């Protein structure tokens, strides 16, 4: 887990403001106050004091943001108890799943679905809108969102000319990449599209130099989809915020 946590610590600051506070790397999104985009990560093996946690809380509150953390429990096993003692509550626990090239199980998309990389800003925008809706967010997509997505390896699924889903592989750092945003429009679910997107995107990432791909499924059900693609549980990620 330390290697995966190091990856997140290296990539989370991209496009965000950062501040080092005691044993924490605090990140702040430039253009949104959404809690999922603003969070801190503890150092491996951190044992934060109450004073350091208070400084972390203040850094977020001064920016009118919810104090919040996301981290792999195995990398910093003493942090959760210290945060709970300071008033934080656990939002959720999600498995961390990994897949090597040897473990990947290729899944073929249904015949009526085509998988490919976006070729224009309009396609990036339409894909991101599908992802937003799938994750319960507004469909509107900003120019900044389009700009960010353009920098990453992205795969979309389309039925004729309709984009029905897709996913993203973030930067490859030290042979590792994170798979995010796997989403399929509600009316197209249950057809094996999500598994096909996952394996196609993972294969492209492996071909471009990633030895390990990892992801954190939002719920147990989607975790089953990723297992079909060759992903296996390797640890746990915990999300906490100030109650």
Protein backbone atom coordinates (compact mmCIF):
# COMPACT_ATOMS: atom_id res chain seq x y z
CA UNK A 1 0.00 0.00 0.00
CA UNK A 2 2.89 2.39 0.59
CA UNK A 3 3.73 2.39 -3.14
CA UNK A 4 0.12 3.16 -4.07
CA UNK A 5 -0.11 5.85 -1.39
CA UNK A 6 3.09 7.40 -2.75
CA UNK A 7 1.44 7.48 -6.19
CA UNK A 8 -1.59 9.34 -4.82
CA UNK A 9 0.64 11.72 -2.89
CA UNK A 10 2.50 12.51 -6.13
CA UNK A 11 -0.56 12.94 -8.35
CA UNK A 12 -3.16 14.54 -6.05
CA UNK A 13 -1.43 17.96 -6.17
CA UNK A 14 -1.70 18.14 -9.97
CA UNK A 15 -3.98 21.09 -10.73
CA UNK A 16 -4.50 21.78 -7.01
CA UNK A 17 -3.06 24.06 -4.38
CA UNK A 18 -1.08 22.22 -1.69
CA UNK A 19 0.14 22.92 1.82
CA UNK A 20 2.34 20.81 4.05
CA UNK A 21 0.84 20.71 7.57
CA UNK A 22 2.72 18.50 10.02
CA UNK A 23 2.49 14.93 8.71
CA UNK A 24 -0.25 15.86 6.23
CA UNK A 25 -0.23 16.91 2.58
CA UNK A 26 -3.33 19.10 2.24
CA UNK A 27 -4.72 19.63 -1.29
CA UNK A 28 -7.15 22.32 -2.39
CA UNK A 29 -8.99 22.34 -5.73
CA UNK A 30 -8.65 25.52 -7.75
CA UNK A 31 -12.20 25.75 -9.06
CA UNK A 32 -14.58 23.75 -6.85
CA UNK A 33 -15.47 23.35 -3.20
CA UNK A 34 -16.72 19.78 -3.68
CA UNK A 35 -15.47 17.69 -0.74
CA UNK A 36 -14.27 14.86 -2.99
CA UNK A 37 -11.90 17.32 -4.70
CA UNK A 38 -10.45 18.78 -1.51
CA UNK A 39 -8.71 16.43 0.91
CA UNK A 40 -5.53 15.72 2.84
CA UNK A 41 -3.23 12.68 2.79
CA UNK A 42 -1.12 11.61 5.79
CA UNK A 43 2.50 10.52 5.55
CA UNK A 44 3.19 6.81 5.81
CA UNK A 45 3.31 5.78 9.45
CA UNK A 46 2.08 9.21 10.62
CA UNK A 47 1.20 9.69 14.28
CA UNK A 48 -0.36 13.18 14.24
CA UNK A 49 -0.66 15.22 17.39
CA UNK A 50 -3.87 17.01 18.37
CA UNK A 51 -2.15 20.32 17.58
CA UNK A 52 -1.25 19.17 14.05
CA UNK A 53 -4.80 17.98 13.43
CA UNK A 54 -6.11 21.35 14.68
CA UNK A 55 -3.85 23.14 12.19
CA UNK A 56 -5.14 20.90 9.39
CA UNK A 57 -8.75 21.64 10.33
CA UNK A 58 -8.02 25.37 10.37
CA UNK A 59 -6.42 25.26 6.90
CA UNK A 60 -9.64 23.93 5.39
CA UNK A 61 -12.04 26.02 7.42
CA UNK A 62 -10.18 29.20 6.52
CA UNK A 63 -10.93 28.35 2.89
CA UNK A 64 -14.59 27.55 3.68
CA UNK A 65 -13.94 23.91 2.89
CA UNK A 66 -14.91 20.74 4.76
CA UNK A 67 -11.87 19.28 6.56
CA UNK A 68 -11.49 15.91 4.93
CA UNK A 69 -8.95 13.10 4.38
CA UNK A 70 -8.58 10.11 2.06
CA UNK A 71 -5.84 7.54 2.61
CA UNK A 72 -4.93 3.87 2.57
CA UNK A 73 -5.29 2.55 6.11
CA UNK A 74 -2.38 0.12 5.87
CA UNK A 75 0.03 2.95 5.02
CA UNK A 76 -0.96 5.04 8.06
CA UNK A 77 -2.66 2.72 10.58
CA UNK A 78 -2.60 5.16 13.54
CA UNK A 79 -4.18 8.14 11.80
CA UNK A 80 -7.84 7.14 11.81
CA UNK A 81 -8.08 6.82 15.60
CA UNK A 82 -6.40 10.20 16.07
CA UNK A 83 -8.81 11.86 13.66
CA UNK A 84 -11.88 10.25 15.24
CA UNK A 85 -10.70 11.48 18.63
CA UNK A 86 -10.58 14.99 17.12
CA UNK A 87 -14.19 14.80 15.93
CA UNK A 88 -13.85 13.29 12.46
CA UNK A 89 -16.24 10.58 11.30
CA UNK A 90 -15.78 7.87 8.70
CA UNK A 91 -17.66 8.64 5.49
CA UNK A 92 -16.94 5.28 3.93
CA UNK A 93 -14.44 2.50 3.50
CA UNK A 94 -13.72 1.22 0.00
CA UNK A 95 -11.47 -1.58 -1.22
CA UNK A 96 -8.29 -0.80 -3.13
CA UNK A 97 -8.07 -3.13 -6.12
CA UNK A 98 -5.01 -3.74 -8.29
CA UNK A 99 -4.35 -5.39 -11.65
CA UNK A 100 -1.09 -6.32 -13.38
CA UNK A 101 -0.75 -7.16 -17.06
CA UNK A 102 -0.54 -10.84 -16.12
CA UNK A 103 -3.77 -10.69 -14.09
CA UNK A 104 -5.84 -8.71 -16.59
CA UNK A 105 -8.84 -10.52 -18.04
CA UNK A 106 -9.93 -8.96 -21.32
CA UNK A 107 -13.66 -8.48 -21.67
CA UNK A 108 -15.17 -7.79 -25.09
CA UNK A 109 -17.76 -5.05 -25.45
CA UNK A 110 -21.20 -5.94 -26.85
CA UNK A 111 -21.35 -5.85 -30.66
CA UNK A 112 -23.36 -2.62 -30.69
CA UNK A 113 -20.79 -0.78 -28.53
CA UNK A 114 -17.56 0.75 -29.84
CA UNK A 115 -14.66 1.60 -27.51
CA UNK A 116 -12.16 4.30 -28.53
CA UNK A 117 -10.31 7.37 -27.35
CA UNK A 118 -12.07 10.76 -27.70
CA UNK A 119 -11.02 12.80 -30.71
CA UNK A 120 -12.37 16.27 -29.87
CA UNK A 121 -13.18 18.58 -26.96
CA UNK A 122 -16.87 18.03 -27.69
CA UNK A 123 -16.43 14.30 -27.12
CA UNK A 124 -14.51 14.91 -23.88
CA UNK A 125 -17.34 17.19 -22.75
CA UNK A 126 -20.10 14.72 -23.61
CA UNK A 127 -18.25 11.87 -21.94
CA UNK A 128 -17.68 13.89 -18.77
CA UNK A 129 -21.38 14.80 -18.71
CA UNK A 130 -22.31 11.09 -18.83
CA UNK A 131 -19.86 10.43 -16.00
CA UNK A 132 -21.24 13.28 -13.91
CA UNK A 133 -24.82 12.03 -14.21
CA UNK A 134 -23.77 8.44 -13.48
CA UNK A 135 -22.16 9.62 -10.23
CA UNK A 136 -25.16 11.71 -9.19
CA UNK A 137 -23.69 15.07 -10.14
CA UNK A 138 -25.02 17.85 -12.42
CA UNK A 139 -24.49 17.19 -16.14
CA UNK A 140 -22.81 20.53 -16.80
CA UNK A 141 -19.11 20.34 -17.69
CA UNK A 142 -16.74 23.30 -17.39
CA UNK A 143 -13.95 24.18 -19.81
CA UNK A 144 -11.51 23.42 -16.98
CA UNK A 145 -12.90 19.88 -16.72
CA UNK A 146 -12.41 19.37 -20.44
CA UNK A 147 -8.86 20.70 -20.20
CA UNK A 148 -8.00 18.33 -17.34
CA UNK A 149 -9.42 15.27 -19.08
CA UNK A 150 -7.51 16.02 -22.26
CA UNK A 151 -4.23 15.32 -20.46
CA UNK A 152 -5.17 11.77 -19.47
CA UNK A 153 -5.63 8.46 -21.24
CA UNK A 154 -9.37 8.32 -21.79
CA UNK A 155 -11.68 5.72 -23.32
CA UNK A 156 -15.30 6.28 -24.32
CA UNK A 157 -18.03 3.79 -25.18
CA UNK A 158 -20.48 4.77 -27.89
CA UNK A 159 -23.64 3.33 -29.40
CA UNK A 160 -23.83 4.69 -32.91
CA UNK A 161 -23.07 8.39 -32.24
CA UNK A 162 -24.22 8.42 -28.62
CA UNK A 163 -21.57 8.35 -25.89
CA UNK A 164 -22.87 5.95 -23.24
CA UNK A 165 -19.91 5.62 -20.88
CA UNK A 166 -16.17 5.68 -20.43
CA UNK A 167 -13.26 5.90 -18.04
CA UNK A 168 -9.89 7.52 -17.41
CA UNK A 169 -6.36 6.37 -16.54
CA UNK A 170 -4.37 9.02 -14.70
CA UNK A 171 -0.64 9.71 -15.07
CA UNK A 172 1.76 6.78 -15.00
CA UNK A 173 4.24 7.35 -12.16
CA UNK A 174 6.91 4.77 -11.29
CA UNK A 175 5.00 2.12 -13.23
CA UNK A 176 1.67 2.78 -11.51
CA UNK A 177 -1.56 4.35 -12.74
CA UNK A 178 -4.99 4.92 -11.21
CA UNK A 179 -8.19 4.06 -13.10
CA UNK A 180 -11.02 6.48 -12.35
CA UNK A 181 -14.42 7.56 -13.59
CA UNK A 182 -15.64 4.23 -14.98
CA UNK A 183 -19.26 5.03 -15.75
CA UNK A 184 -22.11 3.81 -17.95
CA UNK A 185 -25.41 5.60 -18.59
CA UNK A 186 -28.27 4.00 -16.64
CA UNK A 187 -30.14 2.72 -19.68
CA UNK A 188 -27.06 0.85 -20.94
CA UNK A 189 -26.07 -0.92 -17.71
CA UNK A 190 -26.15 -4.68 -17.26
CA UNK A 191 -24.66 -5.38 -20.69
CA UNK A 192 -21.01 -5.87 -19.72
CA UNK A 193 -19.99 -2.40 -20.94
CA UNK A 194 -18.31 -1.30 -17.69
CA UNK A 195 -16.13 -4.43 -17.59
CA UNK A 196 -15.18 -3.93 -21.24
CA UNK A 197 -14.26 -0.28 -20.64
CA UNK A 198 -12.18 -1.29 -17.63
CA UNK A 199 -10.17 -3.96 -19.42
CA UNK A 200 -9.70 -1.86 -22.57
CA UNK A 201 -8.47 1.13 -20.56
CA UNK A 202 -6.27 -1.05 -18.34
CA UNK A 203 -4.73 -2.79 -21.36
CA UNK A 204 -3.88 0.57 -22.96
CA UNK A 205 -2.30 1.72 -19.68
CA UNK A 206 -0.23 -1.46 -19.47
CA UNK A 207 0.86 -1.04 -23.09
CA UNK A 208 1.99 2.52 -22.28
CA UNK A 209 4.24 1.45 -19.44
CA UNK A 210 2.12 0.88 -16.35
CA UNK A 211 3.01 -2.28 -14.46
CA UNK A 212 0.21 -1.88 -11.92
CA UNK A 213 -3.20 -0.29 -12.33
CA UNK A 214 -5.37 0.34 -9.29
CA UNK A 215 -8.82 1.67 -8.52
CA UNK A 216 -11.18 2.22 -5.60
CA UNK A 217 -14.73 1.08 -6.43
CA UNK A 218 -17.55 3.18 -5.05
CA UNK A 219 -19.59 0.19 -3.89
CA UNK A 220 -19.49 -3.59 -3.57
CA UNK A 221 -21.53 -4.13 -6.72
CA UNK A 222 -19.16 -2.33 -9.06
CA UNK A 223 -16.28 -4.16 -7.37
CA UNK A 224 -17.70 -7.35 -8.87
CA UNK A 225 -17.39 -5.79 -12.33
CA UNK A 226 -13.72 -5.01 -11.73
CA UNK A 227 -13.01 -8.53 -10.50
CA UNK A 228 -14.25 -9.81 -13.84
CA UNK A 229 -11.56 -7.66 -15.45
CA UNK A 230 -8.82 -9.19 -13.30
CA UNK A 231 -8.67 -6.72 -10.41
CA UNK A 232 -8.14 -8.07 -6.90
CA UNK A 233 -8.52 -6.45 -3.48
CA UNK A 234 -5.13 -5.37 -2.11
CA UNK A 235 -6.13 -3.09 0.77
CA UNK A 236 -8.57 -0.47 2.01
CA UNK A 237 -9.07 3.26 1.53
CA UNK A 238 -10.86 5.25 4.23
CA UNK A 239 -12.54 8.65 3.81
CA UNK A 240 -13.06 10.81 6.90
CA UNK A 241 -14.44 14.32 7.38
CA UNK A 242 -15.05 16.59 10.33
CA UNK A 243 -18.51 15.93 11.75
